[in-house]
């Protein structure tokens, strides 16, 4: 199993394995390798050759099947050839990506599906406090997706895999279910739950049996500005239904995504979250300060509360407070953790 973990952690130029091994034989090892790396050449060796194992080795993509004893010079040649073929496979993959505009090949599809499944199986939520500026008190937590799948090392990679595999609804349902346990949080705390725009098309979102529906009055649904609402039919009706159930709405990543007033006019959010690209270094950027001041003023005129996320320094915090932000969130206050971390001002 240690070898499987090593393959998941870093790419290899070639792999040489025996077939007869304890706990997991060479064919099983090869199958596990292929789930993590579709290209790496695998050379299998055995002192007990069997037709069945040879056939299985070929079926699962072994480069070569060697019978022991193996001459060392011959083994060096086989490994050198394997390394060369791996380099060519990588170059061909790059060329294919350029020619196809990023379409997945069959091997990539299988590997990505396996990684995405492992991400779903190991999914958990970290919670990061959102602090009310006026009272310096806890307002709520943002639920942030995490998983143990090393091939998809951050939430963006998991989301990208879900988009490419058509698994957004599956991922959304899993994260919403994992986000709903806020019973240990401070009394009255709300939870901010991220939605992809396409989640609005998922009928289970408004279902009375949905895990979040039971605590809808304590949930703010964050819809990112990075994804267009154009693909969703009857957005206004869907949002109205969510509000009828008790949910509130936030626009996430303001300043990082689609321009224009479409999301404001359609969603009419109660909360607006400034993207961290506007927050980082705001104390050193007059331009950012002017932009944020204007955004805060417009939001207040529209009756929307402003959350500044990604706050990392005292100076950033002080500028954002002076500009009138209602809530702050970021590493300066608390890092995401589970179940519910405390914050410091």
Protein backbone atom coordinates (compact mmCIF):
# COMPACT_ATOMS: atom_id res chain seq x y z
CA UNK A 1 0.00 0.00 0.00
CA UNK A 2 2.94 2.32 0.57
CA UNK A 3 3.81 2.05 -3.13
CA UNK A 4 0.25 3.05 -4.09
CA UNK A 5 0.51 6.11 -1.82
CA UNK A 6 3.81 7.07 -3.46
CA UNK A 7 2.23 6.90 -6.92
CA UNK A 8 -0.58 9.16 -5.73
CA UNK A 9 1.89 11.66 -4.24
CA UNK A 10 4.22 12.18 -7.22
CA UNK A 11 4.70 11.14 -10.86
CA UNK A 12 7.15 8.36 -11.75
CA UNK A 13 9.06 7.83 -15.01
CA UNK A 14 8.59 4.06 -14.83
CA UNK A 15 7.59 1.36 -12.33
CA UNK A 16 9.03 -2.14 -11.95
CA UNK A 17 7.10 -4.62 -9.81
CA UNK A 18 7.03 -8.30 -9.01
CA UNK A 19 3.76 -10.19 -9.54
CA UNK A 20 4.01 -12.44 -6.49
CA UNK A 21 3.74 -10.14 -3.47
CA UNK A 22 2.00 -10.31 -0.06
CA UNK A 23 -1.25 -8.38 0.56
CA UNK A 24 -1.57 -7.27 -3.08
CA UNK A 25 -0.28 -9.06 -6.18
CA UNK A 26 1.30 -7.33 -9.15
CA UNK A 27 -1.89 -7.31 -11.22
CA UNK A 28 -3.86 -5.64 -8.42
CA UNK A 29 -1.03 -3.17 -7.96
CA UNK A 30 -1.12 -2.39 -11.68
CA UNK A 31 -4.89 -1.76 -11.53
CA UNK A 32 -4.40 0.70 -8.66
CA UNK A 33 -1.58 2.47 -10.49
CA UNK A 34 -3.76 2.93 -13.58
CA UNK A 35 -6.42 4.68 -11.51
CA UNK A 36 -3.84 7.26 -10.46
CA UNK A 37 -1.60 7.53 -13.52
CA UNK A 38 -2.83 6.42 -16.97
CA UNK A 39 0.57 6.85 -18.65
CA UNK A 40 3.36 5.59 -16.43
CA UNK A 41 4.91 2.42 -17.91
CA UNK A 42 4.75 -0.59 -15.61
CA UNK A 43 7.08 -3.57 -16.03
CA UNK A 44 6.00 -6.77 -14.26
CA UNK A 45 8.36 -9.60 -13.34
CA UNK A 46 7.64 -13.13 -12.14
CA UNK A 47 9.42 -16.35 -11.42
CA UNK A 48 6.19 -18.31 -11.91
CA UNK A 49 4.88 -17.38 -15.35
CA UNK A 50 1.24 -18.16 -16.07
CA UNK A 51 -0.80 -17.48 -19.17
CA UNK A 52 -3.61 -15.98 -17.10
CA UNK A 53 -1.36 -13.45 -15.34
CA UNK A 54 0.29 -12.52 -18.64
CA UNK A 55 -3.09 -11.88 -20.24
CA UNK A 56 -4.20 -9.78 -17.26
CA UNK A 57 -0.97 -7.80 -17.36
CA UNK A 58 -1.54 -6.89 -21.01
CA UNK A 59 -5.22 -6.13 -20.40
CA UNK A 60 -4.34 -3.62 -17.68
CA UNK A 61 -1.63 -1.91 -19.68
CA UNK A 62 1.64 -3.44 -18.50
CA UNK A 63 4.47 -2.40 -20.81
CA UNK A 64 6.35 -5.66 -20.48
CA UNK A 65 6.09 -9.03 -18.74
CA UNK A 66 9.52 -10.38 -17.72
CA UNK A 67 10.34 -13.86 -16.51
CA UNK A 68 12.97 -14.19 -13.81
CA UNK A 69 15.86 -14.48 -13.62
CA UNK A 70 16.25 -11.24 -15.59
CA UNK A 71 19.66 -10.16 -16.85
CA UNK A 72 20.54 -6.82 -15.29
CA UNK A 73 21.64 -5.26 -18.57
CA UNK A 74 18.36 -6.33 -20.20
CA UNK A 75 16.42 -4.84 -17.29
CA UNK A 76 18.28 -1.54 -17.71
CA UNK A 77 17.31 -1.47 -21.41
CA UNK A 78 13.67 -2.20 -20.61
CA UNK A 79 13.56 0.56 -17.99
CA UNK A 80 15.31 3.06 -20.31
CA UNK A 81 12.75 2.29 -23.03
CA UNK A 82 9.93 2.66 -20.51
CA UNK A 83 11.17 6.09 -19.44
CA UNK A 84 11.45 7.22 -23.05
CA UNK A 85 7.92 6.04 -23.84
CA UNK A 86 6.57 7.86 -20.79
CA UNK A 87 8.12 11.13 -21.93
CA UNK A 88 6.59 10.68 -25.37
CA UNK A 89 3.19 9.92 -23.83
CA UNK A 90 3.32 13.16 -21.87
CA UNK A 91 4.27 15.17 -24.96
CA UNK A 92 1.46 13.56 -26.95
CA UNK A 93 -0.98 14.41 -24.17
CA UNK A 94 0.08 18.05 -24.25
CA UNK A 95 -0.27 18.12 -28.05
CA UNK A 96 -3.70 16.52 -27.79
CA UNK A 97 -4.82 19.06 -25.21
CA UNK A 98 -3.73 21.89 -27.51
CA UNK A 99 -5.45 20.38 -30.53
CA UNK A 100 -8.68 19.41 -28.78
CA UNK A 101 -9.14 22.45 -26.61
CA UNK A 102 -8.79 20.46 -23.41
CA UNK A 103 -11.06 17.50 -24.17
CA UNK A 104 -10.44 14.39 -22.10
CA UNK A 105 -9.02 11.23 -23.60
CA UNK A 106 -10.32 7.85 -22.48
CA UNK A 107 -7.46 7.27 -20.06
CA UNK A 108 -7.79 10.77 -18.63
CA UNK A 109 -11.52 10.26 -18.21
CA UNK A 110 -11.05 7.06 -16.21
CA UNK A 111 -8.35 8.59 -14.03
CA UNK A 112 -10.37 11.74 -13.38
CA UNK A 113 -13.49 9.72 -12.58
CA UNK A 114 -11.52 7.65 -10.06
CA UNK A 115 -10.05 10.77 -8.45
CA UNK A 116 -13.42 12.50 -8.28
CA UNK A 117 -15.01 9.44 -6.65
CA UNK A 118 -12.26 9.37 -4.03
CA UNK A 119 -12.77 13.11 -3.44
CA UNK A 120 -16.48 12.54 -2.81
CA UNK A 121 -15.78 9.57 -0.55
CA UNK A 122 -13.35 11.60 1.60
CA UNK A 123 -15.19 14.94 1.46
CA UNK A 124 -15.52 17.00 4.64
CA UNK A 125 -16.25 20.63 5.49
CA UNK A 126 -14.03 23.14 7.23
CA UNK A 127 -15.70 26.15 8.86
CA UNK A 128 -14.32 29.70 8.91
CA UNK A 129 -15.83 32.38 11.16
CA UNK A 130 -17.49 35.49 9.74
CA UNK A 131 -17.27 38.35 12.24
CA UNK A 132 -19.66 41.30 12.63
CA UNK A 133 -17.62 44.54 12.59
CA UNK A 134 -19.95 46.67 14.70
CA UNK A 135 -19.82 44.36 17.74
CA UNK A 136 -16.71 42.29 16.93
CA UNK A 137 -18.87 39.22 17.53
CA UNK A 138 -19.46 35.99 15.67
CA UNK A 139 -22.09 36.22 12.95
CA UNK A 140 -21.64 32.84 11.28
CA UNK A 141 -19.36 30.44 9.45
CA UNK A 142 -18.58 29.73 5.83
CA UNK A 143 -18.56 25.99 5.06
CA UNK A 144 -15.55 25.25 2.87
CA UNK A 145 -15.11 22.03 0.92
CA UNK A 146 -12.14 19.79 1.71
CA UNK A 147 -11.17 16.24 0.70
CA UNK A 148 -8.32 13.81 1.20
CA UNK A 149 -7.85 13.14 -2.54
CA UNK A 150 -4.29 14.22 -3.36
CA UNK A 151 -4.85 14.22 -7.11
CA UNK A 152 -7.44 17.00 -6.59
CA UNK A 153 -5.55 19.00 -3.98
CA UNK A 154 -7.85 22.01 -3.53
CA UNK A 155 -11.56 22.84 -3.81
CA UNK A 156 -11.12 24.43 -7.24
CA UNK A 157 -9.69 21.19 -8.60
CA UNK A 158 -12.62 19.18 -7.21
CA UNK A 159 -15.09 21.66 -8.70
CA UNK A 160 -13.32 21.59 -12.06
CA UNK A 161 -13.46 17.78 -12.08
CA UNK A 162 -17.17 17.91 -11.27
CA UNK A 163 -17.78 20.30 -14.17
CA UNK A 164 -15.81 18.18 -16.62
CA UNK A 165 -17.51 14.95 -15.54
CA UNK A 166 -21.05 16.30 -15.24
CA UNK A 167 -20.97 15.72 -11.48
CA UNK A 168 -21.89 19.19 -10.19
CA UNK A 169 -25.25 18.10 -8.77
CA UNK A 170 -23.67 15.13 -7.01
CA UNK A 171 -20.95 17.32 -5.53
CA UNK A 172 -23.45 20.00 -4.53
CA UNK A 173 -25.71 17.56 -2.72
CA UNK A 174 -22.76 16.06 -0.87
CA UNK A 175 -21.40 19.43 0.27
CA UNK A 176 -24.82 20.72 1.32
CA UNK A 177 -25.44 17.62 3.39
CA UNK A 178 -22.02 17.97 5.02
CA UNK A 179 -22.58 21.69 5.73
CA UNK A 180 -25.81 21.42 7.68
CA UNK A 181 -24.43 20.38 11.06
CA UNK A 182 -24.16 23.71 12.86
CA UNK A 183 -25.74 22.59 16.12
CA UNK A 184 -22.39 22.95 17.91
CA UNK A 185 -21.97 26.53 16.76
CA UNK A 186 -22.78 29.54 18.91
CA UNK A 187 -26.46 30.25 19.34
CA UNK A 188 -27.88 32.10 16.36
CA UNK A 189 -24.83 31.58 14.14
CA UNK A 190 -25.59 31.14 10.46
CA UNK A 191 -23.74 29.06 7.89
CA UNK A 192 -22.76 30.32 4.44
CA UNK A 193 -22.93 27.48 1.89
CA UNK A 194 -21.43 27.79 -1.59
CA UNK A 195 -23.53 27.08 -4.68
CA UNK A 196 -22.47 26.75 -8.28
CA UNK A 197 -24.96 28.56 -10.50
CA UNK A 198 -26.00 25.19 -11.98
CA UNK A 199 -26.99 23.99 -8.50
CA UNK A 200 -30.03 26.21 -8.90
CA UNK A 201 -31.27 23.70 -11.50
CA UNK A 202 -31.06 20.82 -9.01
CA UNK A 203 -34.59 20.02 -7.84
CA UNK A 204 -33.28 18.63 -4.55
CA UNK A 205 -32.10 22.12 -3.53
CA UNK A 206 -35.68 23.25 -2.79
CA UNK A 207 -36.91 19.88 -1.54
CA UNK A 208 -38.45 19.89 1.98
CA UNK A 209 -36.40 16.76 2.66
CA UNK A 210 -33.12 18.49 1.78
CA UNK A 211 -30.71 18.51 4.76
CA UNK A 212 -30.46 22.30 4.66
CA UNK A 213 -34.20 22.95 4.43
CA UNK A 214 -34.71 22.12 8.10
CA UNK A 215 -32.33 24.94 9.09
CA UNK A 216 -33.01 27.27 6.15
CA UNK A 217 -33.46 30.30 8.41
CA UNK A 218 -29.83 29.89 9.49
CA UNK A 219 -28.41 29.39 5.99
CA UNK A 220 -27.03 31.90 3.48
CA UNK A 221 -26.54 30.43 0.00
CA UNK A 222 -23.46 31.92 -1.69
CA UNK A 223 -23.71 32.05 -5.50
CA UNK A 224 -20.41 32.91 -7.13
CA UNK A 225 -19.94 35.75 -9.58
CA UNK A 226 -17.39 33.55 -11.37
CA UNK A 227 -20.13 31.47 -13.00
CA UNK A 228 -22.81 32.84 -15.30
CA UNK A 229 -26.50 32.53 -14.49
CA UNK A 230 -27.39 32.47 -18.17
CA UNK A 231 -27.52 28.65 -18.31
CA UNK A 232 -30.15 28.45 -15.56
CA UNK A 233 -33.81 28.69 -16.54
CA UNK A 234 -36.27 30.64 -14.39
CA UNK A 235 -33.60 31.89 -11.99
CA UNK A 236 -35.92 34.43 -10.39
CA UNK A 237 -38.56 31.80 -9.67
CA UNK A 238 -35.99 29.41 -8.19
CA UNK A 239 -34.52 32.12 -5.97
CA UNK A 240 -38.01 33.17 -4.87
CA UNK A 241 -38.73 29.58 -3.86
CA UNK A 242 -35.50 29.40 -1.86
CA UNK A 243 -36.46 32.56 -0.01
CA UNK A 244 -39.95 31.19 0.66
CA UNK A 245 -38.30 28.21 2.38
CA UNK A 246 -36.24 30.60 4.51
CA UNK A 247 -32.83 30.83 2.81
CA UNK A 248 -31.00 34.10 2.29
CA UNK A 249 -28.78 34.78 -0.72
CA UNK A 250 -25.23 36.12 -1.09
CA UNK A 251 -23.25 37.02 -4.19
CA UNK A 252 -19.77 35.57 -3.78
CA UNK A 253 -16.48 36.68 -5.38
CA UNK A 254 -17.70 40.18 -6.27
CA UNK A 255 -15.03 41.79 -8.39
CA UNK A 256 -13.63 38.52 -9.78
CA UNK A 257 -16.27 37.29 -12.19
CA UNK A 258 -18.90 38.33 -14.68
CA UNK A 259 -19.32 42.08 -15.07
CA UNK A 260 -22.58 43.97 -15.16
CA UNK A 261 -25.65 44.08 -12.96
CA UNK A 262 -27.22 40.78 -14.04
CA UNK A 263 -26.48 38.92 -10.81
CA UNK A 264 -27.63 41.84 -8.63
CA UNK A 265 -30.85 42.37 -10.54
CA UNK A 266 -31.66 38.66 -10.71
CA UNK A 267 -30.65 37.52 -7.23
CA UNK A 268 -31.30 40.68 -5.20
CA UNK A 269 -28.92 39.35 -2.52
CA UNK A 270 -29.01 40.17 1.15
CA UNK A 271 -25.21 39.82 1.32
CA UNK A 272 -22.34 40.65 -1.03
CA UNK A 273 -18.89 39.12 -0.52
CA UNK A 274 -15.93 41.08 -1.85
CA UNK A 275 -13.42 38.85 -3.61
CA UNK A 276 -10.10 38.51 -1.83
CA UNK A 277 -8.30 39.95 -4.87
CA UNK A 278 -9.79 43.32 -3.87
CA UNK A 279 -9.04 42.83 -0.18
CA UNK A 280 -5.42 41.69 -0.34
CA UNK A 281 -3.10 44.66 0.01
CA UNK A 282 -5.93 47.21 0.05
CA UNK A 283 -3.95 49.25 2.58
CA UNK A 284 -1.25 49.68 -0.08
CA UNK A 285 -3.47 50.33 -3.10
CA UNK A 286 -5.38 53.56 -3.52
CA UNK A 287 -7.19 52.12 -6.54
CA UNK A 288 -8.50 49.13 -4.56
CA UNK A 289 -9.56 51.43 -1.76
CA UNK A 290 -11.55 53.65 -4.14
CA UNK A 291 -13.20 50.63 -5.81
CA UNK A 292 -14.18 49.01 -2.52
CA UNK A 293 -15.47 52.28 -1.08
CA UNK A 294 -17.71 52.70 -4.12
CA UNK A 295 -18.91 49.08 -3.98
CA UNK A 296 -19.76 49.37 -0.29
CA UNK A 297 -21.68 52.60 -0.90
CA UNK A 298 -23.73 51.04 -3.73
CA UNK A 299 -24.47 47.92 -1.69
CA UNK A 300 -25.68 49.99 1.25
CA UNK A 301 -27.91 52.03 -1.05
CA UNK A 302 -29.42 48.73 -2.26
CA UNK A 303 -29.89 47.43 1.27
CA UNK A 304 -27.17 44.77 1.00
CA UNK A 305 -24.62 43.90 3.69
CA UNK A 306 -20.95 43.58 2.71
CA UNK A 307 -18.58 40.79 3.73
CA UNK A 308 -14.86 41.29 3.05
CA UNK A 309 -13.14 37.90 2.78
CA UNK A 310 -9.45 37.08 2.66
CA UNK A 311 -8.40 39.51 5.39
CA UNK A 312 -4.83 38.65 6.42
CA UNK A 313 -3.29 41.72 8.09
CA UNK A 314 -4.28 44.25 10.72
CA UNK A 315 -3.88 47.08 8.21
CA UNK A 316 -6.23 45.42 5.72
CA UNK A 317 -8.75 44.93 8.53
CA UNK A 318 -8.55 48.57 9.64
CA UNK A 319 -9.01 49.94 6.11
CA UNK A 320 -12.00 47.66 5.45
CA UNK A 321 -13.60 48.71 8.73
CA UNK A 322 -13.07 52.38 7.84
CA UNK A 323 -14.65 51.79 4.42
CA UNK A 324 -17.83 50.52 6.05
CA UNK A 325 -17.73 46.73 5.53
CA UNK A 326 -20.29 44.99 7.73
CA UNK A 327 -18.46 41.68 8.20
CA UNK A 328 -14.90 40.38 7.93
CA UNK A 329 -13.55 36.92 7.18
CA UNK A 330 -9.98 35.69 6.71
CA UNK A 331 -6.86 34.11 8.15
CA UNK A 332 -6.24 37.12 10.41
CA UNK A 333 -9.39 36.24 12.34
CA UNK A 334 -9.33 32.44 12.03
CA UNK A 335 -8.26 29.73 9.62
CA UNK A 336 -10.84 27.24 8.34
CA UNK A 337 -11.05 24.20 10.60
CA UNK A 338 -13.48 21.69 12.00
CA UNK A 339 -15.73 21.65 13.76
CA UNK A 340 -16.00 25.38 14.63
CA UNK A 341 -12.86 27.44 15.32
CA UNK A 342 -12.79 30.48 17.58
CA UNK A 343 -11.67 33.84 16.15
CA UNK A 344 -9.44 36.68 17.31
CA UNK A 345 -9.89 40.31 16.32
